[in-house]
Structures are given as C-alpha cells and as structure tokens.
Amino acid sequence: MRPPPIENVQKYLFPLIDAAMRAGIKQIVFLSLQGVQGNRKTPHHAVEQYLKEVDAPFTNLRPNFFMQNLSTTYAKGIRERDEIYVPAGRAFTALIDARDIGRVAAAVFSGGKHLRTSYTLSGEQSLTYKRIAKMLTA
C-alpha cells in the first residue's frame, strides 16, 4: 500500500521494490486504483509502471471507492452537513468493502497464478451518490 502522504514514490517506494527484488521476493501485491492505467499523473501509475520495468513478480489490485470511506473519511461531512462531497457528479460507482479487497488479496497471495496481472475490483451494485445518500438517510 502506498501511504497517502507519500507522493514521491521514486524516493520512498522504488527503493523498497528494489530491495524486495534483491531479496528474491516471490510476489508483490500492490493496492492501486481503479482506472489508473489511464491516469498517468497518479503515484499509483508510476508504481505500476516501475513494477513492470524491473520485471517484478507483481499483481495489481485496482479497487473502486471503498465503502468504508463513507464511515471514516467522509463521515464528518455526512454527519454535520448532510453531504457527501466527492467529484462524482451524476456518475455511478460500485462501492467495495475493504474486507472484500482483503479476501481478494489473500486469494492472490495463495493462488500463485496471478503474477504480472491486474484486477479491477468493485462492489456488486452501481449507484449514484444521490442514491447512496438516500440509503444512508433511511
């Protein structure tokens, strides 16, 4: 996982990847972002590219918006101002539970068949944030 305050992945994460490679690591599972392959400005994109460049034994997990963000990161705005403030407009999103991401990561680590692949992960149901707000209200 890339800690949020670490944007300089060349300084902080690339050396970690290099050290893992020298140690003979069998697999790196990287928690990336959905759609990162088309967003070259993110630190996650840089990490994915570096894993390919150094021929690391990687698997990228690209989850959608975490369901838990609503009860943590965005909880104050929801509770105090009755708003979910995200740049989504009328777009649909399929929130994913962080526990499901953990289950996928466990399967990827134990399966041995997932090297040099990327998986986009999302929840079961695509909803607008207007619909999500109505559900939270109820």
C-alpha atoms as a PDB file:
ATOM      1  CA  MET A   1       0.000   0.000   0.000  1.00  0.00           C
ATOM      2  CA  ARG A   2       1.222   3.462  -0.807  1.00  0.00           C
ATOM      3  CA  PRO A   3       0.736   5.578   2.323  1.00  0.00           C
ATOM      4  CA  PRO A   4      -1.299   8.672   1.295  1.00  0.00           C
ATOM      5  CA  PRO A   5       1.342  11.235   2.364  1.00  0.00           C
ATOM      6  CA  ILE A   6       3.993   9.556   0.199  1.00  0.00           C
ATOM      7  CA  GLU A   7       3.653  11.006  -3.269  1.00  0.00           C
ATOM      8  CA  ASN A   8       7.355  10.768  -4.072  1.00  0.00           C
ATOM      9  CA  VAL A   9       7.287   7.075  -4.905  1.00  0.00           C
ATOM     10  CA  GLN A  10      10.653   7.307  -6.680  1.00  0.00           C
ATOM     11  CA  LYS A  11      12.271   8.222  -3.358  1.00  0.00           C
ATOM     12  CA  TYR A  12      10.289   6.019  -0.984  1.00  0.00           C
ATOM     13  CA  LEU A  13       8.719   3.051  -2.782  1.00  0.00           C
ATOM     14  CA  PHE A  14      11.048   2.300  -5.684  1.00  0.00           C
ATOM     15  CA  PRO A  15      13.952   1.547  -3.286  1.00  0.00           C
ATOM     16  CA  LEU A  16      11.626  -0.751  -1.336  1.00  0.00           C
ATOM     17  CA  ILE A  17      10.733  -2.591  -4.546  1.00  0.00           C
ATOM     18  CA  ASP A  18      14.425  -2.804  -5.458  1.00  0.00           C
ATOM     19  CA  ALA A  19      15.268  -4.237  -2.024  1.00  0.00           C
ATOM     20  CA  ALA A  20      12.448  -6.777  -2.320  1.00  0.00           C
ATOM     21  CA  MET A  21      13.766  -7.835  -5.722  1.00  0.00           C
ATOM     22  CA  ARG A  22      17.308  -8.253  -4.361  1.00  0.00           C
ATOM     23  CA  ALA A  23      15.904 -10.365  -1.504  1.00  0.00           C
ATOM     24  CA  GLY A  24      14.200 -12.669  -4.001  1.00  0.00           C
ATOM     25  CA  ILE A  25      10.617 -11.749  -3.148  1.00  0.00           C
ATOM     26  CA  LYS A  26       8.111 -14.172  -4.671  1.00  0.00           C
ATOM     27  CA  GLN A  27       5.261 -11.717  -5.153  1.00  0.00           C
ATOM     28  CA  ILE A  28       4.345  -8.080  -4.653  1.00  0.00           C
ATOM     29  CA  VAL A  29       0.622  -7.340  -4.434  1.00  0.00           C
ATOM     30  CA  PHE A  30       0.126  -3.621  -4.942  1.00  0.00           C
ATOM     31  CA  LEU A  31      -3.047  -1.825  -3.863  1.00  0.00           C
ATOM     32  CA  SER A  32      -3.553   0.570  -6.749  1.00  0.00           C
ATOM     33  CA  LEU A  33      -6.570   2.488  -8.100  1.00  0.00           C
ATOM     34  CA  GLN A  34      -9.405   1.719 -10.468  1.00  0.00           C
ATOM     35  CA  GLY A  35      -8.714   3.323 -13.842  1.00  0.00           C
ATOM     36  CA  VAL A  36      -5.072   4.044 -13.014  1.00  0.00           C
ATOM     37  CA  GLN A  37      -3.924   2.703 -16.372  1.00  0.00           C
ATOM     38  CA  GLY A  38      -5.476   5.811 -17.967  1.00  0.00           C
ATOM     39  CA  ASN A  39      -4.337   8.276 -15.302  1.00  0.00           C
ATOM     40  CA  ARG A  40      -0.599   8.723 -15.668  1.00  0.00           C
ATOM     41  CA  LYS A  41      -0.408  11.552 -13.127  1.00  0.00           C
ATOM     42  CA  THR A  42      -1.032   9.369 -10.078  1.00  0.00           C
ATOM     43  CA  PRO A  43       1.727   7.912  -7.898  1.00  0.00           C
ATOM     44  CA  HIS A  44      -0.043   4.566  -8.297  1.00  0.00           C
ATOM     45  CA  HIS A  45       0.511   4.640 -12.066  1.00  0.00           C
ATOM     46  CA  ALA A  46       4.214   5.298 -11.520  1.00  0.00           C
ATOM     47  CA  VAL A  47       4.472   2.322  -9.151  1.00  0.00           C
ATOM     48  CA  GLU A  48       2.655   0.016 -11.576  1.00  0.00           C
ATOM     49  CA  GLN A  49       4.982   1.090 -14.394  1.00  0.00           C
ATOM     50  CA  TYR A  50       8.063   0.593 -12.220  1.00  0.00           C
ATOM     51  CA  LEU A  51       6.961  -2.913 -11.241  1.00  0.00           C
ATOM     52  CA  LYS A  52       6.797  -3.743 -14.961  1.00  0.00           C
ATOM     53  CA  GLU A  53      10.133  -2.055 -15.750  1.00  0.00           C
ATOM     54  CA  VAL A  54      12.047  -4.044 -13.137  1.00  0.00           C
ATOM     55  CA  ASP A  55      10.214  -7.262 -14.069  1.00  0.00           C
ATOM     56  CA  ALA A  56       8.868  -7.691 -10.548  1.00  0.00           C
ATOM     57  CA  PRO A  57       6.565 -10.584  -9.720  1.00  0.00           C
ATOM     58  CA  PHE A  58       3.593  -8.259  -9.214  1.00  0.00           C
ATOM     59  CA  THR A  59      -0.176  -8.378  -9.025  1.00  0.00           C
ATOM     60  CA  ASN A  60      -2.048  -5.062  -9.060  1.00  0.00           C
ATOM     61  CA  LEU A  61      -5.366  -4.737  -7.261  1.00  0.00           C
ATOM     62  CA  ARG A  62      -7.348  -1.757  -8.580  1.00  0.00           C
ATOM     63  CA  PRO A  63     -10.354  -1.233  -6.305  1.00  0.00           C
ATOM     64  CA  ASN A  64     -13.189   1.211  -6.726  1.00  0.00           C
ATOM     65  CA  PHE A  65     -14.116   3.657  -3.946  1.00  0.00           C
ATOM     66  CA  PHE A  66     -14.023   1.957  -0.532  1.00  0.00           C
ATOM     67  CA  MET A  67     -17.417   1.627   1.163  1.00  0.00           C
ATOM     68  CA  GLN A  68     -15.664   2.393   4.477  1.00  0.00           C
ATOM     69  CA  ASN A  69     -14.765   5.886   3.205  1.00  0.00           C
ATOM     70  CA  LEU A  70     -18.357   6.848   3.986  1.00  0.00           C
ATOM     71  CA  SER A  71     -17.970   5.943   7.662  1.00  0.00           C
ATOM     72  CA  THR A  72     -14.441   7.346   8.047  1.00  0.00           C
ATOM     73  CA  THR A  73     -13.070   9.950   5.637  1.00  0.00           C
ATOM     74  CA  TYR A  74     -16.451  11.434   4.712  1.00  0.00           C
ATOM     75  CA  ALA A  75     -18.289  10.760   7.989  1.00  0.00           C
ATOM     76  CA  LYS A  76     -17.935  14.273   9.399  1.00  0.00           C
ATOM     77  CA  GLY A  77     -19.458  15.920   6.309  1.00  0.00           C
ATOM     78  CA  ILE A  78     -22.263  13.395   6.259  1.00  0.00           C
ATOM     79  CA  ARG A  79     -22.975  13.764   9.957  1.00  0.00           C
ATOM     80  CA  GLU A  80     -22.563  17.549  10.338  1.00  0.00           C
ATOM     81  CA  ARG A  81     -23.649  18.913   6.958  1.00  0.00           C
ATOM     82  CA  ASP A  82     -25.731  16.094   5.450  1.00  0.00           C
ATOM     83  CA  GLU A  83     -23.451  15.963   2.429  1.00  0.00           C
ATOM     84  CA  ILE A  84     -21.200  13.573   0.593  1.00  0.00           C
ATOM     85  CA  TYR A  85     -18.728  15.836  -1.152  1.00  0.00           C
ATOM     86  CA  VAL A  86     -16.901  13.934  -3.897  1.00  0.00           C
ATOM     87  CA  PRO A  87     -16.166  14.945  -7.513  1.00  0.00           C
ATOM     88  CA  ALA A  88     -18.574  12.393  -8.978  1.00  0.00           C
ATOM     89  CA  GLY A  89     -21.414  14.440 -10.441  1.00  0.00           C
ATOM     90  CA  ARG A  90     -24.145  12.063 -11.554  1.00  0.00           C
ATOM     91  CA  ALA A  91     -21.714   9.216 -12.125  1.00  0.00           C
ATOM     92  CA  PHE A  92     -22.360   5.735 -10.842  1.00  0.00           C
ATOM     93  CA  THR A  93     -19.964   3.955  -8.534  1.00  0.00           C
ATOM     94  CA  ALA A  94     -19.856   0.418  -7.220  1.00  0.00           C
ATOM     95  CA  LEU A  95     -18.531   0.849  -3.694  1.00  0.00           C
ATOM     96  CA  ILE A  96     -16.366  -2.017  -2.500  1.00  0.00           C
ATOM     97  CA  ASP A  97     -15.976  -3.231   1.036  1.00  0.00           C
ATOM     98  CA  ALA A  98     -12.347  -3.182   2.185  1.00  0.00           C
ATOM     99  CA  ARG A  99     -12.858  -6.682   3.615  1.00  0.00           C
ATOM    100  CA  ASP A 100     -13.606  -7.946   0.106  1.00  0.00           C
ATOM    101  CA  ILE A 101     -10.368  -6.394  -1.135  1.00  0.00           C
ATOM    102  CA  GLY A 102      -8.605  -8.258   1.670  1.00  0.00           C
ATOM    103  CA  ARG A 103     -10.201 -11.522   0.570  1.00  0.00           C
ATOM    104  CA  VAL A 104      -9.024 -10.969  -2.998  1.00  0.00           C
ATOM    105  CA  ALA A 105      -5.517 -10.131  -1.783  1.00  0.00           C
ATOM    106  CA  ALA A 106      -5.434 -13.347   0.277  1.00  0.00           C
ATOM    107  CA  ALA A 107      -6.563 -15.384  -2.727  1.00  0.00           C
ATOM    108  CA  VAL A 108      -3.986 -13.719  -4.969  1.00  0.00           C
ATOM    109  CA  PHE A 109      -1.187 -14.372  -2.477  1.00  0.00           C
ATOM    110  CA  SER A 110      -2.134 -18.013  -2.028  1.00  0.00           C
ATOM    111  CA  GLY A 111      -3.094 -18.843  -5.605  1.00  0.00           C
ATOM    112  CA  GLY A 112       0.263 -18.494  -7.354  1.00  0.00           C
ATOM    113  CA  LYS A 113      -1.425 -17.950 -10.728  1.00  0.00           C
ATOM    114  CA  HIS A 114      -1.777 -14.184 -10.679  1.00  0.00           C
ATOM    115  CA  LEU A 115       1.695 -12.857 -11.464  1.00  0.00           C
ATOM    116  CA  ARG A 116       2.028  -9.883 -13.834  1.00  0.00           C
ATOM    117  CA  THR A 117      -1.730  -9.307 -13.839  1.00  0.00           C
ATOM    118  CA  SER A 118      -4.038  -6.508 -12.730  1.00  0.00           C
ATOM    119  CA  TYR A 119      -7.543  -6.835 -11.357  1.00  0.00           C
ATOM    120  CA  THR A 120     -10.183  -4.123 -11.216  1.00  0.00           C
ATOM    121  CA  LEU A 121     -12.315  -4.625  -8.121  1.00  0.00           C
ATOM    122  CA  SER A 122     -15.747  -3.178  -7.468  1.00  0.00           C
ATOM    123  CA  GLY A 123     -18.872  -3.847  -5.492  1.00  0.00           C
ATOM    124  CA  GLU A 124     -21.926  -5.635  -6.794  1.00  0.00           C
ATOM    125  CA  GLN A 125     -24.176  -2.641  -7.380  1.00  0.00           C
ATOM    126  CA  SER A 126     -23.535   0.608  -9.275  1.00  0.00           C
ATOM    127  CA  LEU A 127     -25.209   3.530  -7.536  1.00  0.00           C
ATOM    128  CA  THR A 128     -25.256   7.305  -7.842  1.00  0.00           C
ATOM    129  CA  TYR A 129     -24.205   9.261  -4.780  1.00  0.00           C
ATOM    130  CA  LYS A 130     -27.746  10.617  -4.655  1.00  0.00           C
ATOM    131  CA  ARG A 131     -28.966   7.031  -4.211  1.00  0.00           C
ATOM    132  CA  ILE A 132     -26.239   6.326  -1.670  1.00  0.00           C
ATOM    133  CA  ALA A 133     -27.319   9.425   0.296  1.00  0.00           C
ATOM    134  CA  LYS A 134     -30.925   8.210   0.278  1.00  0.00           C
ATOM    135  CA  MET A 135     -29.822   4.803   1.555  1.00  0.00           C
ATOM    136  CA  LEU A 136     -27.755   6.360   4.345  1.00  0.00           C
ATOM    137  CA  THR A 137     -30.649   8.614   5.286  1.00  0.00           C
ATOM    138  CA  ALA A 138     -33.005   5.658   5.544  1.00  0.00           C
END
